[in-house]
Protein backbone atom coordinates (compact mmCIF):
# COMPACT_ATOMS: atom_id res chain seq x y z
CA UNK A 1 -85.12 8.81 -108.88
CA UNK A 2 -81.30 8.80 -109.98
CA UNK A 3 -79.27 6.00 -108.24
CA UNK A 4 -76.93 5.56 -111.03
CA UNK A 5 -77.91 1.92 -111.26
CA UNK A 6 -80.83 -0.24 -112.51
CA UNK A 7 -84.15 0.09 -110.54
CA UNK A 8 -86.83 -2.30 -110.60
CA UNK A 9 -90.58 -2.19 -109.51
CA UNK A 10 -91.75 -5.71 -108.48
CA UNK A 11 -95.45 -6.60 -108.00
CA UNK A 12 -96.48 -9.08 -105.59
CA UNK A 13 -98.49 -11.81 -106.96
CA UNK A 14 -100.46 -12.98 -103.89
CA UNK A 15 -102.33 -15.81 -105.68
CA UNK A 16 -98.89 -17.52 -106.42
CA UNK A 17 -96.91 -16.32 -103.34
CA UNK A 18 -94.53 -14.77 -106.02
CA UNK A 19 -93.54 -11.52 -107.51
CA UNK A 20 -92.90 -10.40 -111.01
CA UNK A 21 -91.02 -7.31 -112.00
CA UNK A 22 -93.34 -4.98 -114.00
CA UNK A 23 -91.00 -2.13 -114.74
CA UNK A 24 -87.25 -1.79 -115.11
CA UNK A 25 -85.47 1.73 -115.38
CA UNK A 26 -81.79 0.99 -116.57
CA UNK A 27 -78.74 2.91 -115.79
CA UNK A 28 -76.40 4.50 -118.33
CA UNK A 29 -73.52 2.34 -117.07
CA UNK A 30 -72.44 -0.34 -119.65
CA UNK A 31 -72.41 -2.97 -116.88
CA UNK A 32 -75.75 -3.38 -115.37
CA UNK A 33 -78.10 -6.08 -114.32
CA UNK A 34 -81.19 -6.52 -116.31
CA UNK A 35 -84.06 -8.69 -114.68
CA UNK A 36 -86.71 -10.22 -116.66
CA UNK A 37 -90.19 -8.52 -116.68
CA UNK A 38 -93.35 -10.53 -116.29
CA UNK A 39 -91.80 -13.72 -115.07
CA UNK A 40 -92.83 -15.14 -111.64
CA UNK A 41 -90.01 -15.15 -109.12
CA UNK A 42 -89.80 -16.41 -105.57
CA UNK A 43 -90.11 -13.96 -102.70
CA UNK A 44 -87.97 -15.67 -100.12
CA UNK A 45 -84.76 -14.51 -101.73
CA UNK A 46 -83.18 -11.37 -103.00
CA UNK A 47 -83.92 -7.67 -101.88
CA UNK A 48 -87.07 -7.49 -103.92
CA UNK A 49 -88.61 -10.57 -102.45
CA UNK A 50 -87.60 -10.20 -98.82
CA UNK A 51 -88.95 -6.55 -98.80
CA UNK A 52 -92.45 -8.24 -99.61
CA UNK A 53 -91.93 -11.26 -97.60
CA UNK A 54 -91.35 -9.52 -94.37
CA UNK A 55 -94.77 -7.89 -94.40
CA UNK A 56 -96.80 -11.05 -94.97
CA UNK A 57 -98.54 -12.98 -92.15
CA UNK A 58 -96.35 -15.64 -90.30
CA UNK A 59 -98.77 -18.10 -91.87
CA UNK A 60 -98.06 -16.71 -95.45
CA UNK A 61 -94.38 -16.79 -94.81
CA UNK A 62 -94.48 -20.40 -93.79
CA UNK A 63 -96.47 -21.19 -96.81
CA UNK A 64 -94.00 -19.44 -99.04
CA UNK A 65 -90.99 -21.37 -97.52
CA UNK A 66 -92.84 -24.65 -97.63
CA UNK A 67 -93.84 -24.12 -101.31
CA UNK A 68 -90.28 -23.09 -102.23
CA UNK A 69 -88.94 -26.17 -100.50
CA UNK A 70 -86.61 -24.08 -98.42
CA UNK A 71 -84.62 -26.26 -95.91
CA UNK A 72 -85.11 -25.74 -92.18
CA UNK A 73 -81.62 -24.13 -91.78
CA UNK A 74 -82.15 -21.64 -94.67
CA UNK A 75 -85.68 -20.90 -93.28
CA UNK A 76 -84.22 -20.09 -89.74
CA UNK A 77 -81.78 -17.54 -91.56
CA UNK A 78 -84.72 -15.92 -93.42
CA UNK A 79 -86.43 -15.43 -90.18
CA UNK A 80 -83.41 -13.81 -88.83
CA UNK A 81 -82.90 -11.58 -91.90
CA UNK A 82 -86.52 -10.46 -91.82
CA UNK A 83 -86.21 -9.13 -88.30
CA UNK A 84 -83.38 -7.03 -89.43
CA UNK A 85 -85.28 -5.85 -92.51
CA UNK A 86 -88.51 -4.78 -90.22
CA UNK A 87 -86.09 -2.69 -87.92
CA UNK A 88 -84.51 -0.59 -90.85
CA UNK A 89 -87.40 -0.79 -93.49
CA UNK A 90 -85.17 -1.90 -96.37
CA UNK A 91 -83.62 -5.30 -97.49
CA UNK A 92 -79.97 -5.48 -98.59
CA UNK A 93 -78.64 -8.66 -100.19
CA UNK A 94 -75.50 -9.97 -101.78
CA UNK A 95 -75.76 -12.30 -104.94
CA UNK A 96 -79.16 -13.72 -103.95
CA UNK A 97 -81.19 -13.29 -107.10
CA UNK A 98 -78.38 -12.59 -109.39
CA UNK A 99 -74.70 -13.49 -108.92
CA UNK A 100 -72.08 -11.02 -108.24
CA UNK A 101 -74.79 -8.40 -107.31
CA UNK A 102 -76.11 -6.10 -104.49
CA UNK A 103 -79.75 -5.82 -103.99
CA UNK A 104 -81.23 -2.77 -102.03
CA UNK A 105 -85.10 -2.81 -101.71
CA UNK A 106 -88.07 -1.58 -99.85
CA UNK A 107 -91.62 -2.56 -99.78
CA UNK A 108 -94.62 -0.62 -101.48
CA UNK A 109 -97.91 -0.57 -99.86
CA UNK A 110 -101.29 0.25 -101.24
CA UNK A 111 -103.83 2.79 -99.73
CA UNK A 112 -104.85 0.23 -97.14
CA UNK A 113 -101.26 -0.28 -95.99
CA UNK A 114 -101.19 -4.05 -97.50
CA UNK A 115 -97.90 -4.80 -99.26
CA UNK A 116 -98.25 -5.01 -102.93
CA UNK A 117 -94.76 -5.10 -104.19
CA UNK A 118 -91.24 -3.53 -103.72
CA UNK A 119 -88.75 -1.17 -105.44
CA UNK A 120 -85.10 -2.15 -105.61
CA UNK A 121 -81.89 -1.08 -107.04
CA UNK A 122 -79.82 -3.98 -108.56
CA UNK A 123 -76.10 -3.12 -108.50
CA UNK A 124 -73.29 -5.11 -109.99
CA UNK A 125 -70.79 -6.05 -107.30
CA UNK A 126 -68.01 -4.54 -109.21
CA UNK A 127 -69.76 -1.14 -109.43
CA UNK A 128 -71.04 -1.25 -105.81
CA UNK A 129 -69.49 1.60 -103.64
CA UNK A 130 -69.97 1.42 -99.76
CA UNK A 131 -69.76 5.17 -99.60
CA UNK A 132 -72.91 5.68 -101.81
CA UNK A 133 -75.02 2.89 -99.89
CA UNK A 134 -76.98 5.19 -97.71
CA UNK A 135 -77.77 7.72 -100.59
CA UNK A 136 -79.26 4.68 -102.55
CA UNK A 137 -81.12 3.46 -99.55
CA UNK A 138 -82.58 6.96 -98.86
CA UNK A 139 -83.54 7.44 -102.43
CA UNK A 140 -85.35 4.06 -102.64
CA UNK A 141 -87.18 4.68 -99.29
CA UNK A 142 -88.29 8.28 -100.51
CA UNK A 143 -89.73 6.75 -103.89
CA UNK A 144 -91.46 3.87 -102.05
CA UNK A 145 -93.16 6.18 -99.67
CA UNK A 146 -94.35 8.33 -102.41
CA UNK A 147 -96.16 5.40 -104.48
CA UNK A 148 -99.08 4.77 -101.95
CA UNK A 149 -100.29 8.19 -102.55
CA UNK A 150 -100.46 7.76 -106.12
CA UNK A 151 -102.52 4.57 -105.31
CA UNK A 152 -105.13 6.55 -103.38
CA UNK A 153 -103.63 6.86 -99.87
CA UNK A 154 -104.17 10.10 -98.37
CA UNK A 155 -102.72 11.62 -95.03
CA UNK A 156 -106.12 11.35 -93.35
CA UNK A 157 -105.99 7.57 -93.65
CA UNK A 158 -102.43 7.34 -92.71
CA UNK A 159 -102.95 9.50 -89.40
CA UNK A 160 -105.90 7.25 -88.24
CA UNK A 161 -103.74 4.09 -88.49
CA UNK A 162 -101.11 5.43 -86.08
């Protein structure tokens, strides 16, 4: 997947209600964001986290928000953000996990259609171009849709769910 920016694969760490980045592919641009691999990160912020959070049960979401000490007013905005993410299948954030950054992410599901992580592009705000937003979104969505097949999902199983 070539989006000319750094791309990260995040794994949902269910036992901690957090994520950790497990793979980073860096762009050739001199200016780029590098996220730490293997460090537990909250899932209530950033494109990477919100792409996971939105597909958890309401009880789990509330548990995450409580665990992270999210104020009620912020929690209300997170719920609003999640409705939008559900409707478009990707998350789009500004400066939530990294200052001066744009994050575009989408969830990754396993063979049983359970959210297991996310894939994101982390773009320095100074390099972000609105005209390439949809191309980046399309490439990230396409890549995220391919991953479940590598995790054992087949078209027969997918057809039965619909």
